[in-house]
């Protein structure tokens, strides 16, 4: 049985290993290292999916910042990164459970807006986020690996589609 819970610092390496397995070397250079640093940041929430004692999924909720993360903290903004499910555990609803828990953690922290960058060709992820109230903002960018990305955003207000 899969359990979704908030992780602690000791869970970070296993969680990032799942992200690495899920991305099979196609992620931006150095992103796994950044995920490790962010996972232990006191302003971040690591959400993990565990079966028995094995971590099988992860997502990070970061405190949102202006200027694509380079500027000052924006109290109303949360940013999701690193949503990943180990390839052997996909298509079981784990990504949905992770996203629901991360979105709830954002709302619990008073974050009324939540963003996430997603690869523009990752239709599975785009569909998952859309089912949970995320929509394209119109912003696009290219990550450090040269992959086209689209910025998604969800509102925490009562008019947003339910999770």
C-alpha atoms as a PDB file:
ATOM      1  CA  UNK A   1       0.000   0.000   0.000  1.00  0.00           C
ATOM      2  CA  UNK A   2       1.279   3.440  -0.964  1.00  0.00           C
ATOM      3  CA  UNK A   3       1.518   6.045   1.784  1.00  0.00           C
ATOM      4  CA  UNK A   4       1.902   9.728   0.894  1.00  0.00           C
ATOM      5  CA  UNK A   5       3.413  11.880   3.622  1.00  0.00           C
ATOM      6  CA  UNK A   6       5.608  14.853   4.278  1.00  0.00           C
ATOM      7  CA  UNK A   7       9.250  13.878   4.144  1.00  0.00           C
ATOM      8  CA  UNK A   8      12.079  14.801   6.453  1.00  0.00           C
ATOM      9  CA  UNK A   9      15.723  15.564   5.692  1.00  0.00           C
ATOM     10  CA  UNK A  10      16.628  11.870   5.895  1.00  0.00           C
ATOM     11  CA  UNK A  11      14.162  11.166   3.048  1.00  0.00           C
ATOM     12  CA  UNK A  12      15.766  13.616   0.617  1.00  0.00           C
ATOM     13  CA  UNK A  13      18.349  11.312  -1.016  1.00  0.00           C
ATOM     14  CA  UNK A  14      15.850   8.518  -1.667  1.00  0.00           C
ATOM     15  CA  UNK A  15      13.333  11.027  -3.031  1.00  0.00           C
ATOM     16  CA  UNK A  16      15.843  12.592  -5.413  1.00  0.00           C
ATOM     17  CA  UNK A  17      16.940   9.108  -6.520  1.00  0.00           C
ATOM     18  CA  UNK A  18      13.318   8.543  -7.606  1.00  0.00           C
ATOM     19  CA  UNK A  19      13.400  11.820  -9.549  1.00  0.00           C
ATOM     20  CA  UNK A  20      16.637  10.717 -11.234  1.00  0.00           C
ATOM     21  CA  UNK A  21      15.191   7.308 -12.151  1.00  0.00           C
ATOM     22  CA  UNK A  22      12.021   8.915 -13.491  1.00  0.00           C
ATOM     23  CA  UNK A  23      13.985  11.354 -15.639  1.00  0.00           C
ATOM     24  CA  UNK A  24      16.499   8.783 -16.910  1.00  0.00           C
ATOM     25  CA  UNK A  25      19.218  11.355 -17.423  1.00  0.00           C
ATOM     26  CA  UNK A  26      16.995  13.767 -19.346  1.00  0.00           C
ATOM     27  CA  UNK A  27      16.656  16.357 -16.578  1.00  0.00           C
ATOM     28  CA  UNK A  28      18.529  19.636 -16.540  1.00  0.00           C
ATOM     29  CA  UNK A  29      22.192  19.332 -15.521  1.00  0.00           C
ATOM     30  CA  UNK A  30      22.609  19.804 -11.777  1.00  0.00           C
ATOM     31  CA  UNK A  31      18.875  19.677 -11.042  1.00  0.00           C
ATOM     32  CA  UNK A  32      19.168  16.606  -8.803  1.00  0.00           C
ATOM     33  CA  UNK A  33      21.738  18.462  -6.696  1.00  0.00           C
ATOM     34  CA  UNK A  34      19.435  21.490  -6.462  1.00  0.00           C
ATOM     35  CA  UNK A  35      16.540  19.241  -5.421  1.00  0.00           C
ATOM     36  CA  UNK A  36      18.687  17.851  -2.587  1.00  0.00           C
ATOM     37  CA  UNK A  37      19.452  21.347  -1.324  1.00  0.00           C
ATOM     38  CA  UNK A  38      15.853  22.518  -1.633  1.00  0.00           C
ATOM     39  CA  UNK A  39      14.485  19.374   0.056  1.00  0.00           C
ATOM     40  CA  UNK A  40      16.136  20.312   3.347  1.00  0.00           C
ATOM     41  CA  UNK A  41      15.300  24.029   3.150  1.00  0.00           C
ATOM     42  CA  UNK A  42      13.149  24.955   6.159  1.00  0.00           C
ATOM     43  CA  UNK A  43      10.724  26.852   3.870  1.00  0.00           C
ATOM     44  CA  UNK A  44      10.223  23.821   1.599  1.00  0.00           C
ATOM     45  CA  UNK A  45       7.868  20.881   1.976  1.00  0.00           C
ATOM     46  CA  UNK A  46       9.053  17.531   0.650  1.00  0.00           C
ATOM     47  CA  UNK A  47       6.134  15.233  -0.131  1.00  0.00           C
ATOM     48  CA  UNK A  48       6.967  11.588  -0.741  1.00  0.00           C
ATOM     49  CA  UNK A  49       5.136   8.408  -1.664  1.00  0.00           C
ATOM     50  CA  UNK A  50       6.384   5.282   0.108  1.00  0.00           C
ATOM     51  CA  UNK A  51       5.595   1.607  -0.318  1.00  0.00           C
ATOM     52  CA  UNK A  52       6.783  -0.332   2.743  1.00  0.00           C
ATOM     53  CA  UNK A  53      10.173   1.341   3.246  1.00  0.00           C
ATOM     54  CA  UNK A  54      10.792   2.216  -0.420  1.00  0.00           C
ATOM     55  CA  UNK A  55      10.331   5.774  -1.693  1.00  0.00           C
ATOM     56  CA  UNK A  56       8.484   5.613  -5.019  1.00  0.00           C
ATOM     57  CA  UNK A  57       7.484   9.250  -5.653  1.00  0.00           C
ATOM     58  CA  UNK A  58       8.249  12.827  -4.713  1.00  0.00           C
ATOM     59  CA  UNK A  59       7.380  16.461  -5.200  1.00  0.00           C
ATOM     60  CA  UNK A  60       8.778  19.583  -3.578  1.00  0.00           C
ATOM     61  CA  UNK A  61       6.777  22.637  -2.585  1.00  0.00           C
ATOM     62  CA  UNK A  62       9.054  25.665  -2.449  1.00  0.00           C
ATOM     63  CA  UNK A  63       8.345  29.129  -1.147  1.00  0.00           C
ATOM     64  CA  UNK A  64       7.600  31.240  -4.216  1.00  0.00           C
ATOM     65  CA  UNK A  65       9.914  34.050  -5.183  1.00  0.00           C
ATOM     66  CA  UNK A  66       9.707  36.897  -7.653  1.00  0.00           C
ATOM     67  CA  UNK A  67      11.893  36.912 -10.762  1.00  0.00           C
ATOM     68  CA  UNK A  68      11.661  33.134 -11.375  1.00  0.00           C
ATOM     69  CA  UNK A  69      13.045  32.312  -7.954  1.00  0.00           C
ATOM     70  CA  UNK A  70      15.807  34.915  -7.888  1.00  0.00           C
ATOM     71  CA  UNK A  71      13.869  37.683  -6.181  1.00  0.00           C
ATOM     72  CA  UNK A  72      12.257  38.251  -2.810  1.00  0.00           C
ATOM     73  CA  UNK A  73       9.817  35.788  -1.267  1.00  0.00           C
ATOM     74  CA  UNK A  74       6.193  36.195  -2.306  1.00  0.00           C
ATOM     75  CA  UNK A  75       4.074  35.052   0.663  1.00  0.00           C
ATOM     76  CA  UNK A  76       1.088  34.165  -1.519  1.00  0.00           C
ATOM     77  CA  UNK A  77       3.092  32.017  -3.958  1.00  0.00           C
ATOM     78  CA  UNK A  78       4.186  28.390  -3.751  1.00  0.00           C
ATOM     79  CA  UNK A  79       6.185  26.647  -6.458  1.00  0.00           C
ATOM     80  CA  UNK A  80       6.170  22.919  -7.187  1.00  0.00           C
ATOM     81  CA  UNK A  81       9.210  21.171  -8.606  1.00  0.00           C
ATOM     82  CA  UNK A  82      10.528  17.654  -8.968  1.00  0.00           C
ATOM     83  CA  UNK A  83       7.189  15.837  -9.285  1.00  0.00           C
ATOM     84  CA  UNK A  84       8.258  12.298 -10.138  1.00  0.00           C
ATOM     85  CA  UNK A  85       7.102   8.719  -9.769  1.00  0.00           C
ATOM     86  CA  UNK A  86       9.488   5.800 -10.165  1.00  0.00           C
ATOM     87  CA  UNK A  87       8.872   4.176 -13.581  1.00  0.00           C
ATOM     88  CA  UNK A  88       7.875   0.849 -11.981  1.00  0.00           C
ATOM     89  CA  UNK A  89       5.067   2.579 -10.045  1.00  0.00           C
ATOM     90  CA  UNK A  90       3.527   4.805 -12.709  1.00  0.00           C
ATOM     91  CA  UNK A  91      -0.142   4.814 -13.725  1.00  0.00           C
ATOM     92  CA  UNK A  92      -1.309   3.949 -10.188  1.00  0.00           C
ATOM     93  CA  UNK A  93      -2.495   7.408  -9.128  1.00  0.00           C
ATOM     94  CA  UNK A  94       0.651   8.202  -7.137  1.00  0.00           C
ATOM     95  CA  UNK A  95       1.313  11.450  -9.017  1.00  0.00           C
ATOM     96  CA  UNK A  96      -2.248  12.506  -8.235  1.00  0.00           C
ATOM     97  CA  UNK A  97      -1.795  11.746  -4.539  1.00  0.00           C
ATOM     98  CA  UNK A  98       1.497  13.671  -4.439  1.00  0.00           C
ATOM     99  CA  UNK A  99      -0.007  16.672  -6.202  1.00  0.00           C
ATOM    100  CA  UNK A 100      -3.064  16.738  -3.924  1.00  0.00           C
ATOM    101  CA  UNK A 101      -0.885  16.622  -0.797  1.00  0.00           C
ATOM    102  CA  UNK A 102       1.510  19.296  -2.090  1.00  0.00           C
ATOM    103  CA  UNK A 103      -1.344  21.575  -3.097  1.00  0.00           C
ATOM    104  CA  UNK A 104      -2.937  21.154   0.333  1.00  0.00           C
ATOM    105  CA  UNK A 105       0.403  21.946   2.011  1.00  0.00           C
ATOM    106  CA  UNK A 106       0.557  25.152  -0.036  1.00  0.00           C
ATOM    107  CA  UNK A 107      -2.953  26.159   0.952  1.00  0.00           C
ATOM    108  CA  UNK A 108      -2.249  25.308   4.604  1.00  0.00           C
ATOM    109  CA  UNK A 109       0.741  27.669   4.443  1.00  0.00           C
ATOM    110  CA  UNK A 110      -1.451  30.479   3.113  1.00  0.00           C
ATOM    111  CA  UNK A 111      -0.193  30.254  -0.448  1.00  0.00           C
ATOM    112  CA  UNK A 112      -3.073  31.267  -2.704  1.00  0.00           C
ATOM    113  CA  UNK A 113      -1.153  30.758  -5.962  1.00  0.00           C
ATOM    114  CA  UNK A 114       0.895  27.720  -6.935  1.00  0.00           C
ATOM    115  CA  UNK A 115       3.136  27.458  -9.995  1.00  0.00           C
ATOM    116  CA  UNK A 116       5.052  24.686 -11.714  1.00  0.00           C
ATOM    117  CA  UNK A 117       7.267  24.534 -14.794  1.00  0.00           C
ATOM    118  CA  UNK A 118       6.502  21.458 -16.938  1.00  0.00           C
ATOM    119  CA  UNK A 119       8.183  20.197 -20.097  1.00  0.00           C
ATOM    120  CA  UNK A 120       5.949  21.224 -22.964  1.00  0.00           C
ATOM    121  CA  UNK A 121       6.019  17.723 -24.493  1.00  0.00           C
ATOM    122  CA  UNK A 122       5.142  15.910 -21.227  1.00  0.00           C
ATOM    123  CA  UNK A 123       1.452  15.443 -21.942  1.00  0.00           C
ATOM    124  CA  UNK A 124       0.949  13.091 -18.977  1.00  0.00           C
ATOM    125  CA  UNK A 125       2.174  15.773 -16.560  1.00  0.00           C
ATOM    126  CA  UNK A 126       0.291  18.561 -18.334  1.00  0.00           C
ATOM    127  CA  UNK A 127      -2.934  16.537 -18.109  1.00  0.00           C
ATOM    128  CA  UNK A 128      -2.325  15.709 -14.436  1.00  0.00           C
ATOM    129  CA  UNK A 129      -1.809  19.343 -13.511  1.00  0.00           C
ATOM    130  CA  UNK A 130      -4.831  20.420 -15.586  1.00  0.00           C
ATOM    131  CA  UNK A 131      -7.054  17.951 -13.707  1.00  0.00           C
ATOM    132  CA  UNK A 132      -6.006  19.703 -10.503  1.00  0.00           C
ATOM    133  CA  UNK A 133      -6.735  23.270 -11.493  1.00  0.00           C
ATOM    134  CA  UNK A 134      -3.452  24.281 -13.129  1.00  0.00           C
ATOM    135  CA  UNK A 135      -3.518  26.202 -16.398  1.00  0.00           C
ATOM    136  CA  UNK A 136      -0.805  27.636 -18.652  1.00  0.00           C
ATOM    137  CA  UNK A 137       0.130  31.206 -17.800  1.00  0.00           C
ATOM    138  CA  UNK A 138       1.363  31.940 -21.312  1.00  0.00           C
ATOM    139  CA  UNK A 139       4.987  31.993 -20.168  1.00  0.00           C
ATOM    140  CA  UNK A 140       7.450  29.612 -21.737  1.00  0.00           C
ATOM    141  CA  UNK A 141      11.170  29.116 -21.285  1.00  0.00           C
ATOM    142  CA  UNK A 142      13.962  26.729 -22.106  1.00  0.00           C
ATOM    143  CA  UNK A 143      15.667  24.908 -19.244  1.00  0.00           C
ATOM    144  CA  UNK A 144      19.428  24.415 -18.978  1.00  0.00           C
ATOM    145  CA  UNK A 145      19.132  21.119 -20.896  1.00  0.00           C
ATOM    146  CA  UNK A 146      17.525  22.963 -23.824  1.00  0.00           C
ATOM    147  CA  UNK A 147      14.034  21.577 -23.171  1.00  0.00           C
ATOM    148  CA  UNK A 148      11.016  23.799 -23.805  1.00  0.00           C
ATOM    149  CA  UNK A 149       8.987  24.403 -20.645  1.00  0.00           C
ATOM    150  CA  UNK A 150       5.583  25.918 -19.948  1.00  0.00           C
ATOM    151  CA  UNK A 151       4.643  27.667 -16.702  1.00  0.00           C
ATOM    152  CA  UNK A 152       1.417  26.456 -15.083  1.00  0.00           C
ATOM    153  CA  UNK A 153      -0.465  28.127 -12.253  1.00  0.00           C
ATOM    154  CA  UNK A 154      -3.341  27.210  -9.955  1.00  0.00           C
ATOM    155  CA  UNK A 155      -5.274  29.468  -7.673  1.00  0.00           C
ATOM    156  CA  UNK A 156      -6.067  28.524  -4.110  1.00  0.00           C
ATOM    157  CA  UNK A 157      -9.302  30.489  -4.119  1.00  0.00           C
ATOM    158  CA  UNK A 158     -12.728  28.891  -3.874  1.00  0.00           C
ATOM    159  CA  UNK A 159     -13.462  29.319  -7.592  1.00  0.00           C
ATOM    160  CA  UNK A 160     -10.529  27.157  -8.668  1.00  0.00           C
ATOM    161  CA  UNK A 161     -11.314  23.628  -9.889  1.00  0.00           C
ATOM    162  CA  UNK A 162     -11.208  21.169  -6.983  1.00  0.00           C
ATOM    163  CA  UNK A 163      -8.262  18.891  -6.378  1.00  0.00           C
END
